[in-house]
Amino acid sequence: KIALSYPDTYELGMSNMALPILYELLNSQPDALAERVFAPWVDMEAAMRATRTPLLSLETGHLLKDFDIIGFSLGYELTYTNVLNMLDLAGIPVLASERNDSHPIVIAGGSSAHNPEPMADFIDFFVIGEAEEVLPKLISRFQAWKRKGERASKKELLRQVATIDGIYVPSLYQVEYQSDGLFK
């Protein structure tokens, strides 16, 4: 079960061309199910927090934290804080290092993911480039990992997907910076 997440409102998310393409691609797979989720407007977020209502999927109203994978489409940098807010509203730890095997895998892609480092602490792995090309491989690896059940750790899955061209797994690297703040 995959939650395709657009970190902005429904009105903006539905005008994004990548979302319907990925939705169709995933739902055409025999063993995959994709639903959509969007960031709520500020007044709805306040009502959700006041009533402790978690973020839900659009199609069936399932809890976001019950999905296997949450995939964020990062079209521009201003939505980064919305990603964090959506994870928090869903009751999912914001930092990747605080999520364990019981939490969904959080991935991100899109034009803003070409420089993934600003979001590296929050995302389990990034799709760099066209998601349509790597999604079938990702789904296949994920399904094989899931069939192993409790015998396979999230870390094992991350090592496996890191071998796919165009996938960047931040937790597998130690980033170093030069004295001027640029990558070493």
Protein backbone atom coordinates (compact mmCIF):
# COMPACT_ATOMS: atom_id res chain seq x y z
CA LYS A 1 0.00 0.00 0.00
CA ILE A 2 1.48 3.28 -1.17
CA ALA A 3 0.36 6.76 -0.18
CA LEU A 4 1.19 9.21 -2.95
CA SER A 5 1.62 12.42 -1.01
CA TYR A 6 1.59 15.88 -2.44
CA PRO A 7 2.84 18.31 0.22
CA ASP A 8 0.39 21.04 -0.65
CA THR A 9 -3.37 21.41 -0.93
CA TYR A 10 -5.62 19.21 -3.03
CA GLU A 11 -6.19 22.03 -5.52
CA LEU A 12 -2.47 22.39 -6.21
CA GLY A 13 -1.71 18.69 -6.04
CA MET A 14 -4.34 17.67 -8.56
CA SER A 15 -2.87 20.07 -11.11
CA ASN A 16 0.52 18.32 -10.82
CA MET A 17 1.02 16.03 -13.83
CA ALA A 18 3.27 13.55 -12.02
CA LEU A 19 0.62 12.54 -9.51
CA PRO A 20 -1.91 10.99 -11.93
CA ILE A 21 0.87 9.31 -13.91
CA LEU A 22 2.32 7.64 -10.81
CA TYR A 23 -1.16 6.83 -9.48
CA GLU A 24 -2.05 5.01 -12.72
CA LEU A 25 1.32 3.30 -12.97
CA LEU A 26 1.16 1.96 -9.41
CA ASN A 27 -2.48 0.92 -9.51
CA SER A 28 -1.87 -0.98 -12.75
CA GLN A 29 0.57 -3.25 -10.89
CA PRO A 30 -1.17 -6.47 -9.78
CA ASP A 31 0.11 -6.39 -6.19
CA ALA A 32 0.21 -2.65 -5.52
CA LEU A 33 -2.35 -0.18 -4.28
CA ALA A 34 -1.86 3.57 -4.41
CA GLU A 35 -3.98 6.19 -2.70
CA ARG A 36 -3.46 9.93 -2.50
CA VAL A 37 -3.00 12.34 0.37
CA PHE A 38 -2.62 16.11 0.42
CA ALA A 39 -1.66 18.74 2.96
CA PRO A 40 -4.70 20.25 4.66
CA TRP A 41 -5.44 23.96 4.62
CA VAL A 42 -4.34 25.79 7.79
CA ASP A 43 -7.85 25.89 9.29
CA MET A 44 -8.35 22.16 8.67
CA GLU A 45 -4.97 21.39 10.20
CA ALA A 46 -5.98 23.33 13.32
CA ALA A 47 -9.25 21.37 13.54
CA MET A 48 -7.38 18.08 13.05
CA ARG A 49 -4.91 18.91 15.80
CA ALA A 50 -7.69 20.10 18.14
CA THR A 51 -9.58 16.82 17.72
CA ARG A 52 -6.43 14.67 17.41
CA THR A 53 -7.57 13.50 13.99
CA PRO A 54 -4.64 11.96 12.08
CA LEU A 55 -3.95 12.54 8.39
CA LEU A 56 -5.92 10.12 6.20
CA SER A 57 -5.81 8.98 2.58
CA LEU A 58 -8.24 10.55 0.13
CA GLU A 59 -9.72 7.41 -1.41
CA THR A 60 -10.49 5.23 1.61
CA GLY A 61 -9.66 7.33 4.66
CA HIS A 62 -6.94 4.96 5.84
CA LEU A 63 -4.42 6.22 8.36
CA LEU A 64 -1.23 7.34 6.66
CA LYS A 65 0.83 5.45 9.23
CA ASP A 66 -0.82 2.17 8.08
CA PHE A 67 0.63 2.40 4.56
CA ASP A 68 3.78 0.48 3.63
CA ILE A 69 5.28 3.38 1.71
CA ILE A 70 4.65 7.11 1.77
CA GLY A 71 5.97 8.82 -1.34
CA PHE A 72 6.27 12.58 -1.46
CA SER A 73 6.42 14.56 -4.69
CA LEU A 74 8.82 17.43 -4.15
CA GLY A 75 8.14 20.01 -6.82
CA TYR A 76 9.65 22.99 -5.04
CA GLU A 77 11.48 23.82 -1.81
CA LEU A 78 8.65 25.73 -0.17
CA THR A 79 6.81 22.44 0.41
CA TYR A 80 9.57 20.92 2.54
CA THR A 81 7.99 22.10 5.77
CA ASN A 82 4.65 20.67 4.59
CA VAL A 83 6.30 17.24 4.31
CA LEU A 84 7.36 17.46 7.95
CA ASN A 85 3.94 18.74 8.98
CA MET A 86 2.17 15.91 7.13
CA LEU A 87 4.35 13.28 8.80
CA ASP A 88 3.65 14.85 12.18
CA LEU A 89 -0.11 15.00 11.50
CA ALA A 90 0.02 11.31 10.57
CA GLY A 91 1.72 10.38 13.85
CA ILE A 92 4.92 9.30 12.07
CA PRO A 93 8.29 10.42 13.46
CA VAL A 94 9.64 13.25 11.35
CA LEU A 95 13.29 12.20 11.50
CA ALA A 96 14.17 9.09 9.51
CA SER A 97 16.54 8.03 12.31
CA GLU A 98 13.59 7.90 14.74
CA ARG A 99 11.48 5.60 12.55
CA ASN A 100 11.75 1.86 13.02
CA ASP A 101 10.62 -1.21 11.08
CA SER A 102 7.00 -0.65 12.16
CA HIS A 103 6.79 2.72 10.39
CA PRO A 104 6.18 3.23 6.68
CA ILE A 105 9.12 3.73 4.35
CA VAL A 106 9.23 7.44 3.45
CA ILE A 107 10.48 8.25 -0.03
CA ALA A 108 10.62 11.42 -2.09
CA GLY A 109 11.19 12.37 -5.69
CA GLY A 110 10.43 15.14 -8.11
CA SER A 111 12.33 18.07 -9.52
CA SER A 112 13.28 19.40 -6.09
CA ALA A 113 14.80 16.06 -5.12
CA HIS A 114 17.71 16.59 -7.51
CA ASN A 115 19.43 18.12 -4.48
CA PRO A 116 18.21 15.79 -1.74
CA GLU A 117 20.48 16.90 1.09
CA PRO A 118 18.18 19.56 2.61
CA MET A 119 15.62 16.75 3.27
CA ALA A 120 18.08 13.90 3.89
CA ASP A 121 17.37 13.70 7.64
CA PHE A 122 13.66 13.13 7.03
CA ILE A 123 13.45 10.82 3.99
CA ASP A 124 14.44 7.13 3.90
CA PHE A 125 15.40 7.30 0.24
CA PHE A 126 15.10 9.53 -2.80
CA VAL A 127 14.28 8.82 -6.41
CA ILE A 128 16.59 11.04 -8.43
CA GLY A 129 15.22 11.40 -11.94
CA GLU A 130 12.09 9.94 -13.49
CA ALA A 131 10.14 7.77 -11.06
CA GLU A 132 8.34 5.97 -13.88
CA GLU A 133 11.62 4.29 -14.82
CA VAL A 134 12.48 2.93 -11.37
CA LEU A 135 9.05 2.27 -9.83
CA PRO A 136 8.64 -1.27 -11.21
CA LYS A 137 12.05 -2.24 -9.79
CA LEU A 138 11.26 -0.57 -6.46
CA ILE A 139 7.90 -2.33 -6.16
CA SER A 140 9.49 -5.68 -7.01
CA ARG A 141 12.23 -5.25 -4.39
CA PHE A 142 9.76 -4.04 -1.80
CA GLN A 143 7.42 -6.99 -2.38
CA ALA A 144 10.31 -9.47 -2.09
CA TRP A 145 11.42 -7.78 1.13
CA LYS A 146 7.89 -7.80 2.53
CA ARG A 147 7.46 -11.52 1.80
CA LYS A 148 10.39 -12.17 4.15
CA GLY A 149 8.27 -10.70 6.94
CA GLU A 150 9.98 -10.08 10.25
CA ARG A 151 13.15 -11.78 9.03
CA ALA A 152 14.04 -8.69 7.00
CA SER A 153 14.90 -5.32 8.46
CA LYS A 154 14.22 -1.91 6.97
CA LYS A 155 17.98 -1.44 6.76
CA GLU A 156 18.19 -4.51 4.51
CA LEU A 157 15.56 -3.05 2.18
CA LEU A 158 17.42 0.27 2.04
CA ARG A 159 20.63 -1.53 1.05
CA GLN A 160 18.76 -3.39 -1.69
CA VAL A 161 17.08 -0.34 -3.21
CA ALA A 162 20.37 1.59 -3.09
CA THR A 163 21.63 -0.71 -5.86
CA ILE A 164 18.99 0.64 -8.27
CA ASP A 165 20.24 3.44 -10.53
CA GLY A 166 18.72 6.74 -9.48
CA ILE A 167 18.11 5.83 -5.83
CA TYR A 168 19.88 7.72 -3.04
CA VAL A 169 19.68 6.39 0.52
CA PRO A 170 21.05 9.11 2.85
CA SER A 171 21.50 6.80 5.85
CA LEU A 172 24.11 4.81 3.92
CA TYR A 173 26.42 7.83 3.60
CA GLN A 174 28.30 10.11 5.95
CA VAL A 175 28.14 13.63 4.53
CA GLU A 176 31.09 15.91 5.20
CA TYR A 177 31.32 19.63 4.61
CA GLN A 178 34.20 21.94 3.80
CA SER A 179 34.93 24.96 6.00
CA ASP A 180 32.88 27.16 3.63
CA GLY A 181 29.80 24.95 4.10
CA LEU A 182 29.97 23.23 0.71
CA PHE A 183 30.03 19.44 0.35
CA LYS A 184 33.41 17.83 0.61
